[in-house]
Amino acid sequence: MKTVAVTTSADRAAAAAIPFTMAGMQPVELPCIEIEPVYDDLLEAVRSSALQADLIVISSRRTLDILWPDRDLPECAFAAVGRTTARQIRDWGGKVAFTGTEGALDLADHIVGSVGGKTVIWPHAAGADPAPLEQIAARANVFAAPTIYNSVPRPPADDEVDITTFASPSAVQGWTMTRSLKETPIAVIGNTTRRAIEELDSKADVIAPSPTFQA
C-alpha cells in the first residue's frame, strides 16, 4: 500500500486524507502550514462590505469558515472555486451563481463577462495568484480583494512516504524547510502550486484536474 503525505494544515488534514484512504492508499498527515487569520476588525470590515456586494468570490471553504463562522451568509450571489466550496455555500443558505472547476483563473474566465457595472469582493489568502484578481478588477465597477488569512509555512515531521501532495505554495515552502522535493513523486492541486514546485527546480508528476483532494 502506497503511503501519501498530506501536507495541508492540521485542522484540515483528516478531511483531506479521506479520499486517499478511499482510493486504497495510506495517508500520512504531515502538516506544512499553519493558518493565521487577520485581525478581527478587518474581518468585520470585510463582512460589512460584503453586505453591499453584487458578487462575492470564494476560493475555498476556509474563507467561509473564517469570515462567516456562524454561517450567516450575505444574500448576494456567490462565485465559488470548486464544487466542494460551492456545496458548502449552498449548505449554508447562500446562492451560487458561478462555479469554476479548474481553479481561480478558470473561475475568473467564467465570470469576467458578467461583472461589468457590479461591486465584487474576492477575499483571499496572502500570496494568492494575482492574475485572476487583476482580471476581475479590470472589469468590475468596484472591486476589493482583501487578504483575510496567512498560510504560514512550518516544517513537517520526518515520516517516510511514497508520494507527497501539496495544495498550496506555502505547504511547498514548509516542506522544503527540512525535506527535499526529490524524495518522492509529487502531486499538486492547481497551477499556482505547480509553479511553486517548478521555481524550486523540481516538477509535479501529477496535477489534479480540479481543485480538490478527491481529484
N, C-alpha and C. Protein backbone atom coordinates (compact mmCIF):
# COMPACT_ATOMS: atom_id res chain seq x y z
N MET A 1 0.84 -1.19 0.00
CA MET A 1 0.00 0.00 0.00
C MET A 1 0.88 1.25 0.00
N LYS A 2 0.60 2.16 -0.94
CA LYS A 2 1.37 3.39 -1.05
C LYS A 2 1.01 4.35 0.09
N THR A 3 2.03 4.96 0.67
CA THR A 3 1.81 5.99 1.68
C THR A 3 1.88 7.37 1.01
N VAL A 4 0.96 8.26 1.42
CA VAL A 4 0.82 9.56 0.78
C VAL A 4 0.90 10.66 1.83
N ALA A 5 1.84 11.58 1.67
CA ALA A 5 1.97 12.71 2.58
C ALA A 5 0.87 13.73 2.30
N VAL A 6 0.09 14.06 3.32
CA VAL A 6 -0.94 15.09 3.23
C VAL A 6 -0.40 16.30 3.98
N THR A 7 -0.07 17.37 3.25
CA THR A 7 0.71 18.47 3.82
C THR A 7 -0.12 19.70 4.17
N THR A 8 -1.43 19.61 4.05
CA THR A 8 -2.27 20.76 4.40
C THR A 8 -2.25 20.96 5.91
N SER A 9 -2.89 22.02 6.38
CA SER A 9 -2.85 22.38 7.81
C SER A 9 -3.49 21.29 8.68
N ALA A 10 -3.11 21.26 9.95
CA ALA A 10 -3.55 20.20 10.85
C ALA A 10 -5.07 20.14 10.97
N ASP A 11 -5.73 21.31 10.91
CA ASP A 11 -7.19 21.33 11.08
C ASP A 11 -7.92 20.76 9.89
N ARG A 12 -7.25 20.64 8.74
CA ARG A 12 -7.89 20.11 7.53
C ARG A 12 -7.31 18.76 7.09
N ALA A 13 -6.26 18.32 7.74
CA ALA A 13 -5.56 17.13 7.27
C ALA A 13 -6.43 15.87 7.30
N ALA A 14 -7.20 15.71 8.37
CA ALA A 14 -8.01 14.49 8.50
C ALA A 14 -9.03 14.40 7.36
N ALA A 15 -9.69 15.51 7.04
CA ALA A 15 -10.67 15.50 5.95
C ALA A 15 -9.97 15.29 4.61
N ALA A 16 -8.81 15.91 4.44
CA ALA A 16 -8.08 15.77 3.18
C ALA A 16 -7.60 14.35 2.98
N ALA A 17 -7.38 13.61 4.07
CA ALA A 17 -6.88 12.24 3.97
C ALA A 17 -7.93 11.25 3.49
N ILE A 18 -9.19 11.57 3.67
CA ILE A 18 -10.25 10.61 3.36
C ILE A 18 -10.23 10.11 1.92
N PRO A 19 -10.11 11.00 0.91
CA PRO A 19 -10.10 10.48 -0.47
C PRO A 19 -8.96 9.50 -0.75
N PHE A 20 -7.81 9.70 -0.10
CA PHE A 20 -6.69 8.80 -0.33
C PHE A 20 -6.96 7.43 0.29
N THR A 21 -7.56 7.44 1.47
CA THR A 21 -7.94 6.17 2.10
C THR A 21 -8.94 5.42 1.22
N MET A 22 -9.92 6.15 0.69
CA MET A 22 -10.93 5.52 -0.16
C MET A 22 -10.33 4.98 -1.45
N ALA A 23 -9.22 5.56 -1.88
CA ALA A 23 -8.57 5.11 -3.12
C ALA A 23 -7.57 3.99 -2.86
N GLY A 24 -7.52 3.50 -1.61
CA GLY A 24 -6.67 2.36 -1.31
C GLY A 24 -5.25 2.72 -0.93
N MET A 25 -5.01 3.99 -0.59
CA MET A 25 -3.69 4.43 -0.15
C MET A 25 -3.69 4.68 1.35
N GLN A 26 -2.52 4.87 1.92
CA GLN A 26 -2.40 5.16 3.35
C GLN A 26 -1.93 6.59 3.54
N PRO A 27 -2.84 7.51 3.88
CA PRO A 27 -2.42 8.89 4.08
C PRO A 27 -1.61 9.05 5.35
N VAL A 28 -0.63 9.93 5.29
CA VAL A 28 0.20 10.27 6.45
C VAL A 28 0.11 11.78 6.63
N GLU A 29 -0.43 12.21 7.75
CA GLU A 29 -0.62 13.64 7.99
C GLU A 29 0.71 14.29 8.37
N LEU A 30 1.19 15.15 7.48
CA LEU A 30 2.45 15.87 7.70
C LEU A 30 2.21 17.36 7.43
N PRO A 31 1.48 18.04 8.32
CA PRO A 31 1.13 19.45 8.07
C PRO A 31 2.37 20.31 7.82
N CYS A 32 2.28 21.14 6.79
CA CYS A 32 3.38 22.04 6.44
C CYS A 32 2.98 23.51 6.52
N ILE A 33 1.75 23.77 6.96
CA ILE A 33 1.31 25.16 7.12
C ILE A 33 0.46 25.31 8.38
N GLU A 34 0.46 26.52 8.91
CA GLU A 34 -0.47 26.93 9.96
C GLU A 34 -1.24 28.13 9.44
N ILE A 35 -2.53 28.20 9.78
CA ILE A 35 -3.39 29.27 9.29
C ILE A 35 -3.51 30.36 10.34
N GLU A 36 -3.25 31.60 9.93
CA GLU A 36 -3.35 32.76 10.82
C GLU A 36 -4.32 33.78 10.21
N PRO A 37 -5.57 33.85 10.70
CA PRO A 37 -6.48 34.89 10.21
C PRO A 37 -5.96 36.27 10.57
N VAL A 38 -6.36 37.26 9.78
CA VAL A 38 -6.01 38.64 10.10
C VAL A 38 -6.82 39.09 11.31
N TYR A 39 -6.56 40.30 11.77
CA TYR A 39 -7.20 40.78 12.99
C TYR A 39 -8.72 40.95 12.81
N ASP A 40 -9.44 40.85 13.92
CA ASP A 40 -10.90 40.79 13.89
C ASP A 40 -11.53 42.02 13.27
N ASP A 41 -10.95 43.19 13.49
CA ASP A 41 -11.55 44.41 12.94
C ASP A 41 -11.59 44.37 11.41
N LEU A 42 -10.55 43.84 10.80
CA LEU A 42 -10.54 43.75 9.34
C LEU A 42 -11.56 42.73 8.86
N LEU A 43 -11.66 41.59 9.55
CA LEU A 43 -12.66 40.60 9.17
C LEU A 43 -14.06 41.19 9.26
N GLU A 44 -14.32 41.99 10.30
CA GLU A 44 -15.64 42.60 10.44
C GLU A 44 -15.89 43.60 9.33
N ALA A 45 -14.84 44.34 8.92
CA ALA A 45 -14.98 45.29 7.82
C ALA A 45 -15.30 44.56 6.52
N VAL A 46 -14.69 43.41 6.31
CA VAL A 46 -14.98 42.63 5.10
C VAL A 46 -16.42 42.13 5.13
N ARG A 47 -16.87 41.67 6.28
CA ARG A 47 -18.27 41.21 6.40
C ARG A 47 -19.24 42.35 6.10
N SER A 48 -18.95 43.55 6.61
CA SER A 48 -19.84 44.70 6.37
C SER A 48 -19.85 45.07 4.90
N SER A 49 -18.68 45.07 4.27
CA SER A 49 -18.59 45.39 2.85
C SER A 49 -19.33 44.36 2.00
N ALA A 50 -19.28 43.12 2.43
CA ALA A 50 -19.94 42.06 1.67
C ALA A 50 -21.44 42.26 1.57
N LEU A 51 -22.01 42.96 2.53
CA LEU A 51 -23.46 43.22 2.51
C LEU A 51 -23.84 44.13 1.35
N GLN A 52 -22.85 44.89 0.82
CA GLN A 52 -23.12 45.82 -0.28
C GLN A 52 -22.71 45.24 -1.64
N ALA A 53 -22.18 44.04 -1.66
CA ALA A 53 -21.64 43.47 -2.89
C ALA A 53 -22.74 42.88 -3.77
N ASP A 54 -22.48 42.89 -5.07
CA ASP A 54 -23.33 42.16 -6.02
C ASP A 54 -22.86 40.71 -6.15
N LEU A 55 -21.54 40.50 -5.98
CA LEU A 55 -20.97 39.17 -6.14
C LEU A 55 -19.79 39.02 -5.19
N ILE A 56 -19.74 37.89 -4.50
CA ILE A 56 -18.60 37.56 -3.64
C ILE A 56 -17.95 36.30 -4.20
N VAL A 57 -16.66 36.38 -4.44
CA VAL A 57 -15.92 35.24 -4.97
C VAL A 57 -15.23 34.53 -3.81
N ILE A 58 -15.44 33.23 -3.71
CA ILE A 58 -14.90 32.43 -2.61
C ILE A 58 -13.97 31.36 -3.18
N SER A 59 -12.71 31.40 -2.76
CA SER A 59 -11.71 30.48 -3.29
C SER A 59 -11.66 29.15 -2.56
N SER A 60 -12.13 29.12 -1.31
CA SER A 60 -12.00 27.88 -0.53
C SER A 60 -12.99 27.87 0.61
N ARG A 61 -13.23 26.68 1.14
CA ARG A 61 -14.09 26.57 2.31
C ARG A 61 -13.49 27.29 3.51
N ARG A 62 -12.17 27.37 3.57
CA ARG A 62 -11.53 28.06 4.68
C ARG A 62 -11.96 29.53 4.74
N THR A 63 -12.11 30.15 3.59
CA THR A 63 -12.57 31.53 3.54
C THR A 63 -13.93 31.67 4.20
N LEU A 64 -14.83 30.74 3.88
CA LEU A 64 -16.16 30.76 4.50
C LEU A 64 -16.07 30.58 6.01
N ASP A 65 -15.25 29.64 6.45
CA ASP A 65 -15.13 29.36 7.88
C ASP A 65 -14.60 30.57 8.65
N ILE A 66 -13.67 31.30 8.04
CA ILE A 66 -13.07 32.45 8.72
C ILE A 66 -14.01 33.65 8.74
N LEU A 67 -14.65 33.91 7.61
CA LEU A 67 -15.50 35.11 7.53
C LEU A 67 -16.88 34.92 8.16
N TRP A 68 -17.45 33.73 8.00
CA TRP A 68 -18.81 33.52 8.49
C TRP A 68 -18.89 32.26 9.34
N PRO A 69 -18.22 32.24 10.48
CA PRO A 69 -18.26 31.04 11.33
C PRO A 69 -19.66 30.71 11.84
N ASP A 70 -20.53 31.73 11.85
CA ASP A 70 -21.92 31.49 12.28
C ASP A 70 -22.81 31.06 11.11
N ARG A 71 -22.21 30.94 9.91
CA ARG A 71 -22.91 30.51 8.69
C ARG A 71 -23.99 31.50 8.23
N ASP A 72 -23.89 32.74 8.65
CA ASP A 72 -24.87 33.76 8.27
C ASP A 72 -24.36 34.50 7.04
N LEU A 73 -24.54 33.88 5.86
CA LEU A 73 -24.00 34.45 4.63
C LEU A 73 -24.84 35.62 4.14
N PRO A 74 -24.20 36.58 3.45
CA PRO A 74 -24.97 37.66 2.81
C PRO A 74 -25.91 37.11 1.75
N GLU A 75 -26.88 37.90 1.36
CA GLU A 75 -27.89 37.44 0.41
C GLU A 75 -27.49 37.64 -1.04
N CYS A 76 -26.33 38.19 -1.30
CA CYS A 76 -25.91 38.42 -2.68
C CYS A 76 -25.48 37.11 -3.33
N ALA A 77 -25.12 37.18 -4.61
CA ALA A 77 -24.67 36.00 -5.33
C ALA A 77 -23.22 35.68 -4.99
N PHE A 78 -22.89 34.39 -5.09
CA PHE A 78 -21.53 33.92 -4.85
C PHE A 78 -20.98 33.25 -6.10
N ALA A 79 -19.67 33.34 -6.26
CA ALA A 79 -18.95 32.54 -7.24
C ALA A 79 -17.94 31.70 -6.46
N ALA A 80 -17.83 30.43 -6.79
CA ALA A 80 -17.02 29.50 -6.00
C ALA A 80 -15.94 28.83 -6.85
N VAL A 81 -14.76 28.70 -6.27
CA VAL A 81 -13.70 27.90 -6.88
C VAL A 81 -13.89 26.47 -6.41
N GLY A 82 -14.38 25.62 -7.28
CA GLY A 82 -14.54 24.21 -6.94
C GLY A 82 -15.93 23.84 -6.46
N ARG A 83 -16.33 22.62 -6.77
CA ARG A 83 -17.67 22.15 -6.40
C ARG A 83 -17.82 21.99 -4.90
N THR A 84 -16.73 21.63 -4.21
CA THR A 84 -16.81 21.45 -2.76
C THR A 84 -17.13 22.77 -2.08
N THR A 85 -16.47 23.84 -2.51
CA THR A 85 -16.74 25.16 -1.96
C THR A 85 -18.16 25.59 -2.29
N ALA A 86 -18.58 25.34 -3.52
CA ALA A 86 -19.94 25.70 -3.92
C ALA A 86 -20.97 24.96 -3.07
N ARG A 87 -20.71 23.69 -2.80
CA ARG A 87 -21.65 22.92 -1.99
C ARG A 87 -21.76 23.48 -0.57
N GLN A 88 -20.64 23.91 0.01
CA GLN A 88 -20.71 24.47 1.35
C GLN A 88 -21.49 25.77 1.36
N ILE A 89 -21.31 26.59 0.33
CA ILE A 89 -22.08 27.83 0.24
C ILE A 89 -23.57 27.52 0.21
N ARG A 90 -23.97 26.57 -0.60
CA ARG A 90 -25.39 26.20 -0.69
C ARG A 90 -25.89 25.61 0.62
N ASP A 91 -25.07 24.78 1.24
CA ASP A 91 -25.47 24.17 2.52
C ASP A 91 -25.71 25.23 3.59
N TRP A 92 -25.01 26.34 3.47
CA TRP A 92 -25.16 27.42 4.46
C TRP A 92 -26.21 28.44 4.03
N GLY A 93 -26.93 28.15 2.97
CA GLY A 93 -28.03 29.01 2.55
C GLY A 93 -27.66 30.08 1.55
N GLY A 94 -26.44 30.02 0.99
CA GLY A 94 -26.01 31.01 0.02
C GLY A 94 -26.43 30.66 -1.40
N LYS A 95 -26.41 31.66 -2.26
CA LYS A 95 -26.80 31.50 -3.66
C LYS A 95 -25.54 31.45 -4.52
N VAL A 96 -25.29 30.31 -5.17
CA VAL A 96 -24.12 30.15 -6.03
C VAL A 96 -24.51 30.44 -7.47
N ALA A 97 -23.94 31.51 -8.02
CA ALA A 97 -24.24 31.88 -9.40
C ALA A 97 -23.25 31.29 -10.39
N PHE A 98 -22.01 31.06 -9.94
CA PHE A 98 -20.97 30.53 -10.81
C PHE A 98 -20.11 29.55 -10.02
N THR A 99 -19.65 28.49 -10.71
CA THR A 99 -18.72 27.54 -10.10
C THR A 99 -17.61 27.26 -11.11
N GLY A 100 -16.37 27.50 -10.69
CA GLY A 100 -15.22 27.15 -11.52
C GLY A 100 -14.69 25.80 -11.10
N THR A 101 -14.34 24.97 -12.04
CA THR A 101 -13.92 23.60 -11.71
C THR A 101 -12.42 23.38 -11.85
N GLU A 102 -11.68 24.37 -12.32
CA GLU A 102 -10.25 24.18 -12.57
C GLU A 102 -9.39 25.27 -11.94
N GLY A 103 -9.83 25.82 -10.83
CA GLY A 103 -9.02 26.80 -10.13
C GLY A 103 -9.52 28.22 -10.29
N ALA A 104 -8.82 29.15 -9.64
CA ALA A 104 -9.26 30.54 -9.58
C ALA A 104 -9.25 31.22 -10.95
N LEU A 105 -8.24 30.93 -11.76
CA LEU A 105 -8.17 31.57 -13.07
C LEU A 105 -9.30 31.08 -13.97
N ASP A 106 -9.64 29.82 -13.87
CA ASP A 106 -10.77 29.28 -14.63
C ASP A 106 -12.06 29.98 -14.23
N LEU A 107 -12.25 30.19 -12.93
CA LEU A 107 -13.45 30.87 -12.46
C LEU A 107 -13.48 32.31 -12.96
N ALA A 108 -12.33 33.00 -12.89
CA ALA A 108 -12.27 34.38 -13.37
C ALA A 108 -12.66 34.45 -14.84
N ASP A 109 -12.19 33.49 -15.64
CA ASP A 109 -12.54 33.46 -17.06
C ASP A 109 -14.06 33.33 -17.25
N HIS A 110 -14.71 32.58 -16.35
CA HIS A 110 -16.15 32.36 -16.47
C HIS A 110 -16.96 33.60 -16.08
N ILE A 111 -16.49 34.35 -15.11
CA ILE A 111 -17.32 35.44 -14.58
C ILE A 111 -16.96 36.82 -15.10
N VAL A 112 -15.80 36.94 -15.78
CA VAL A 112 -15.33 38.27 -16.14
C VAL A 112 -16.33 39.01 -17.04
N GLY A 113 -17.05 38.29 -17.87
CA GLY A 113 -18.02 38.93 -18.74
C GLY A 113 -19.29 39.35 -18.04
N SER A 114 -19.43 39.00 -16.77
CA SER A 114 -20.67 39.30 -16.04
C SER A 114 -20.50 40.32 -14.92
N VAL A 115 -19.30 40.88 -14.76
CA VAL A 115 -19.06 41.74 -13.60
C VAL A 115 -19.06 43.22 -13.94
N GLY A 116 -19.26 43.56 -15.19
CA GLY A 116 -19.29 44.96 -15.57
C GLY A 116 -20.39 45.72 -14.83
N GLY A 117 -20.04 46.87 -14.24
CA GLY A 117 -21.00 47.68 -13.51
C GLY A 117 -21.34 47.15 -12.13
N LYS A 118 -20.68 46.09 -11.68
CA LYS A 118 -21.03 45.47 -10.40
C LYS A 118 -19.94 45.69 -9.35
N THR A 119 -20.36 45.49 -8.11
CA THR A 119 -19.43 45.53 -6.98
C THR A 119 -19.06 44.10 -6.63
N VAL A 120 -17.78 43.79 -6.69
CA VAL A 120 -17.29 42.42 -6.50
C VAL A 120 -16.26 42.42 -5.38
N ILE A 121 -16.37 41.45 -4.49
CA ILE A 121 -15.40 41.26 -3.42
C ILE A 121 -14.82 39.86 -3.54
N TRP A 122 -13.48 39.78 -3.47
CA TRP A 122 -12.80 38.49 -3.56
C TRP A 122 -11.84 38.37 -2.38
N PRO A 123 -12.30 37.93 -1.21
CA PRO A 123 -11.40 37.71 -0.08
C PRO A 123 -10.50 36.51 -0.35
N HIS A 124 -9.26 36.58 0.11
CA HIS A 124 -8.31 35.53 -0.27
C HIS A 124 -7.19 35.42 0.74
N ALA A 125 -6.35 34.41 0.54
CA ALA A 125 -5.18 34.21 1.37
C ALA A 125 -4.03 35.07 0.86
N ALA A 126 -3.13 35.41 1.77
CA ALA A 126 -1.91 36.09 1.36
C ALA A 126 -1.15 35.21 0.37
N GLY A 127 -0.59 35.84 -0.66
CA GLY A 127 0.16 35.08 -1.65
C GLY A 127 -0.66 34.46 -2.74
N ALA A 128 -1.96 34.77 -2.79
CA ALA A 128 -2.81 34.21 -3.85
C ALA A 128 -2.34 34.69 -5.22
N ASP A 129 -2.59 33.89 -6.24
CA ASP A 129 -2.24 34.25 -7.60
C ASP A 129 -2.93 35.57 -7.97
N PRO A 130 -2.16 36.61 -8.34
CA PRO A 130 -2.79 37.90 -8.64
C PRO A 130 -3.51 37.95 -9.98
N ALA A 131 -3.23 37.04 -10.89
CA ALA A 131 -3.78 37.12 -12.25
C ALA A 131 -5.31 37.12 -12.27
N PRO A 132 -6.00 36.19 -11.60
CA PRO A 132 -7.47 36.23 -11.64
C PRO A 132 -8.04 37.46 -10.95
N LEU A 133 -7.39 37.94 -9.90
CA LEU A 133 -7.86 39.14 -9.22
C LEU A 133 -7.77 40.34 -10.15
N GLU A 134 -6.65 40.45 -10.84
CA GLU A 134 -6.46 41.58 -11.77
C GLU A 134 -7.45 41.52 -12.92
N GLN A 135 -7.79 40.33 -13.35
CA GLN A 135 -8.74 40.17 -14.45
C GLN A 135 -10.11 40.72 -14.07
N ILE A 136 -10.56 40.40 -12.86
CA ILE A 136 -11.87 40.89 -12.42
C ILE A 136 -11.82 42.37 -12.08
N ALA A 137 -10.72 42.82 -11.49
CA ALA A 137 -10.58 44.24 -11.14
C ALA A 137 -10.70 45.13 -12.37
N ALA A 138 -10.23 44.65 -13.51
CA ALA A 138 -10.25 45.45 -14.74
C ALA A 138 -11.65 45.63 -15.30
N ARG A 139 -12.60 44.80 -14.89
CA ARG A 139 -13.94 44.86 -15.48
C ARG A 139 -15.02 45.28 -14.49
N ALA A 140 -14.84 45.01 -13.21
CA ALA A 140 -15.87 45.36 -12.23
C ALA A 140 -15.93 46.86 -12.00
N ASN A 141 -17.09 47.35 -11.61
CA ASN A 141 -17.24 48.77 -11.29
C ASN A 141 -16.51 49.09 -9.99
N VAL A 142 -16.71 48.27 -8.98
CA VAL A 142 -15.99 48.38 -7.71
C VAL A 142 -15.45 46.99 -7.38
N PHE A 143 -14.17 46.94 -7.04
CA PHE A 143 -13.57 45.64 -6.74
C PHE A 143 -12.69 45.75 -5.51
N ALA A 144 -12.84 44.77 -4.60
CA ALA A 144 -11.99 44.70 -3.42
C ALA A 144 -11.48 43.28 -3.27
N ALA A 145 -10.21 43.15 -2.91
CA ALA A 145 -9.60 41.83 -2.75
C ALA A 145 -8.83 41.79 -1.43
N PRO A 146 -9.56 41.74 -0.32
CA PRO A 146 -8.88 41.78 0.98
C PRO A 146 -8.20 40.46 1.33
N THR A 147 -7.02 40.56 1.90
CA THR A 147 -6.34 39.38 2.44
C THR A 147 -6.91 39.08 3.81
N ILE A 148 -7.45 37.88 4.01
CA ILE A 148 -8.09 37.57 5.29
C ILE A 148 -7.35 36.53 6.12
N TYR A 149 -6.36 35.87 5.52
CA TYR A 149 -5.56 34.96 6.33
C TYR A 149 -4.21 34.71 5.66
N ASN A 150 -3.28 34.26 6.48
CA ASN A 150 -1.95 33.90 6.01
C ASN A 150 -1.74 32.40 6.22
N SER A 151 -1.14 31.76 5.24
CA SER A 151 -0.69 30.38 5.39
C SER A 151 0.79 30.42 5.73
N VAL A 152 1.11 30.12 6.97
CA VAL A 152 2.48 30.24 7.45
C VAL A 152 3.19 28.89 7.31
N PRO A 153 4.27 28.83 6.55
CA PRO A 153 4.98 27.55 6.39
C PRO A 153 5.55 27.04 7.72
N ARG A 154 5.53 25.73 7.89
CA ARG A 154 6.14 25.08 9.04
C ARG A 154 6.77 23.77 8.59
N PRO A 155 7.84 23.34 9.21
CA PRO A 155 8.50 22.10 8.78
C PRO A 155 7.68 20.88 9.16
N PRO A 156 7.64 19.88 8.30
CA PRO A 156 6.89 18.66 8.59
C PRO A 156 7.69 17.69 9.44
N ALA A 157 7.03 16.65 9.91
CA ALA A 157 7.72 15.55 10.58
C ALA A 157 8.52 14.77 9.53
N ASP A 158 9.31 13.81 9.99
CA ASP A 158 10.23 13.12 9.08
C ASP A 158 9.76 11.72 8.68
N ASP A 159 8.45 11.45 8.79
CA ASP A 159 7.92 10.14 8.37
C ASP A 159 8.27 9.87 6.90
N GLU A 160 8.60 8.63 6.61
CA GLU A 160 8.86 8.25 5.23
C GLU A 160 7.54 8.03 4.48
N VAL A 161 7.47 8.51 3.25
CA VAL A 161 6.25 8.35 2.43
C VAL A 161 6.66 8.02 1.00
N ASP A 162 5.68 7.51 0.24
CA ASP A 162 5.94 7.14 -1.16
C ASP A 162 5.60 8.27 -2.12
N ILE A 163 4.61 9.10 -1.76
CA ILE A 163 4.13 10.19 -2.62
C ILE A 163 3.88 11.40 -1.73
N THR A 164 4.13 12.59 -2.26
CA THR A 164 3.88 13.82 -1.49
C THR A 164 2.87 14.68 -2.23
N THR A 165 1.85 15.16 -1.51
CA THR A 165 0.84 16.03 -2.11
C THR A 165 0.93 17.44 -1.54
N PHE A 166 0.68 18.41 -2.41
CA PHE A 166 0.69 19.81 -1.99
C PHE A 166 -0.55 20.51 -2.55
N ALA A 167 -1.18 21.33 -1.70
CA ALA A 167 -2.35 22.10 -2.15
C ALA A 167 -2.10 23.60 -2.14
N SER A 168 -0.88 24.02 -1.80
CA SER A 168 -0.59 25.45 -1.77
C SER A 168 0.92 25.67 -1.83
N PRO A 169 1.35 26.83 -2.36
CA PRO A 169 2.78 27.16 -2.34
C PRO A 169 3.34 27.22 -0.93
N SER A 170 2.52 27.64 0.05
CA SER A 170 3.00 27.71 1.43
C SER A 170 3.38 26.33 1.95
N ALA A 171 2.61 25.32 1.58
CA ALA A 171 2.94 23.95 2.00
C ALA A 171 4.25 23.50 1.38
N VAL A 172 4.48 23.90 0.14
CA VAL A 172 5.77 23.59 -0.51
C VAL A 172 6.91 24.23 0.28
N GLN A 173 6.72 25.49 0.67
CA GLN A 173 7.75 26.17 1.44
C GLN A 173 8.01 25.47 2.77
N GLY A 174 6.93 25.05 3.42
CA GLY A 174 7.09 24.36 4.69
C GLY A 174 7.86 23.06 4.53
N TRP A 175 7.50 22.29 3.51
CA TRP A 175 8.16 21.01 3.27
C TRP A 175 9.67 21.19 3.07
N THR A 176 10.02 22.19 2.29
CA THR A 176 11.44 22.36 1.94
C THR A 176 12.25 23.01 3.06
N MET A 177 11.62 23.33 4.17
CA MET A 177 12.39 23.79 5.33
C MET A 177 13.32 22.69 5.84
N THR A 178 12.85 21.44 5.75
CA THR A 178 13.64 20.34 6.30
C THR A 178 13.74 19.13 5.37
N ARG A 179 12.98 19.16 4.24
CA ARG A 179 12.95 17.98 3.38
C ARG A 179 13.15 18.39 1.93
N SER A 180 13.46 17.43 1.09
CA SER A 180 13.74 17.69 -0.31
C SER A 180 12.55 17.32 -1.18
N LEU A 181 12.36 18.08 -2.26
CA LEU A 181 11.33 17.76 -3.23
C LEU A 181 11.73 16.57 -4.11
N LYS A 182 12.94 16.12 -3.98
CA LYS A 182 13.43 14.99 -4.78
C LYS A 182 13.15 13.65 -4.11
N GLU A 183 12.58 13.66 -2.90
CA GLU A 183 12.39 12.41 -2.16
C GLU A 183 11.40 11.46 -2.82
N THR A 184 10.30 12.01 -3.34
CA THR A 184 9.19 11.19 -3.83
C THR A 184 8.57 11.83 -5.06
N PRO A 185 7.72 11.09 -5.79
CA PRO A 185 6.85 11.74 -6.77
C PRO A 185 5.97 12.77 -6.07
N ILE A 186 5.59 13.81 -6.82
CA ILE A 186 4.84 14.93 -6.26
C ILE A 186 3.52 15.08 -7.00
N ALA A 187 2.44 15.26 -6.24
CA ALA A 187 1.12 15.57 -6.80
C ALA A 187 0.66 16.91 -6.24
N VAL A 188 0.08 17.76 -7.08
CA VAL A 188 -0.33 19.09 -6.65
C VAL A 188 -1.76 19.39 -7.05
N ILE A 189 -2.36 20.31 -6.31
CA ILE A 189 -3.65 20.88 -6.66
C ILE A 189 -3.40 22.28 -7.20
N GLY A 190 -3.64 22.48 -8.48
CA GLY A 190 -3.59 23.82 -9.05
C GLY A 190 -2.26 24.21 -9.66
N ASN A 191 -2.34 25.11 -10.64
CA ASN A 191 -1.15 25.56 -11.35
C ASN A 191 -0.29 26.51 -10.52
N THR A 192 -0.91 27.21 -9.56
CA THR A 192 -0.11 28.08 -8.69
C THR A 192 0.87 27.23 -7.88
N THR A 193 0.40 26.12 -7.36
CA THR A 193 1.27 25.22 -6.61
C THR A 193 2.27 24.54 -7.53
N ARG A 194 1.84 24.20 -8.72
CA ARG A 194 2.77 23.63 -9.71
C ARG A 194 3.92 24.59 -9.97
N ARG A 195 3.60 25.87 -10.15
CA ARG A 195 4.66 26.85 -10.41
C ARG A 195 5.61 26.97 -9.22
N ALA A 196 5.07 26.87 -8.00
CA ALA A 196 5.92 26.94 -6.82
C ALA A 196 6.93 25.79 -6.81
N ILE A 197 6.49 24.61 -7.26
CA ILE A 197 7.39 23.47 -7.37
C ILE A 197 8.47 23.74 -8.42
N GLU A 198 8.05 24.26 -9.55
CA GLU A 198 8.99 24.50 -10.65
C GLU A 198 10.01 25.58 -10.31
N GLU A 199 9.60 26.56 -9.51
CA GLU A 199 10.53 27.62 -9.11
C GLU A 199 11.66 27.08 -8.24
N LEU A 200 11.46 25.90 -7.68
CA LEU A 200 12.49 25.26 -6.86
C LEU A 200 13.22 24.17 -7.66
N ASP A 201 13.17 24.31 -8.99
CA ASP A 201 13.88 23.40 -9.89
C ASP A 201 13.44 21.94 -9.74
N SER A 202 12.15 21.76 -9.49
CA SER A 202 11.60 20.42 -9.45
C SER A 202 10.38 20.40 -10.36
N LYS A 203 9.60 19.31 -10.30
CA LYS A 203 8.41 19.25 -11.16
C LYS A 203 7.33 18.44 -10.47
N ALA A 204 6.09 18.74 -10.83
CA ALA A 204 4.95 17.98 -10.34
C ALA A 204 4.71 16.81 -11.28
N ASP A 205 4.64 15.62 -10.72
CA ASP A 205 4.37 14.43 -11.53
C ASP A 205 2.89 14.28 -11.83
N VAL A 206 2.04 14.82 -10.93
CA VAL A 206 0.59 14.76 -11.11
C VAL A 206 0.01 16.13 -10.79
N ILE A 207 -0.85 16.64 -11.66
CA ILE A 207 -1.57 17.89 -11.41
C ILE A 207 -3.05 17.56 -11.43
N ALA A 208 -3.74 17.77 -10.33
CA ALA A 208 -5.16 17.43 -10.25
C ALA A 208 -5.95 18.23 -11.28
N PRO A 209 -6.89 17.61 -11.98
CA PRO A 209 -7.68 18.30 -12.98
C PRO A 209 -8.69 19.28 -12.41
N SER A 210 -8.97 19.18 -11.11
CA SER A 210 -9.84 20.15 -10.45
C SER A 210 -9.30 20.36 -9.02
N PRO A 211 -9.66 21.49 -8.37
CA PRO A 211 -9.02 21.86 -7.11
C PRO A 211 -9.60 21.13 -5.89
N THR A 212 -9.48 19.81 -5.89
CA THR A 212 -9.95 19.02 -4.74
C THR A 212 -8.96 17.89 -4.46
N PHE A 213 -8.91 17.42 -3.22
CA PHE A 213 -8.07 16.27 -2.91
C PHE A 213 -8.63 15.01 -3.57
N GLN A 214 -9.94 14.94 -3.77
CA GLN A 214 -10.53 13.81 -4.46
C GLN A 214 -9.96 13.68 -5.88
N ALA A 215 -9.84 14.81 -6.55
CA ALA A 215 -9.27 14.78 -7.91
C ALA A 215 -7.81 14.35 -7.88
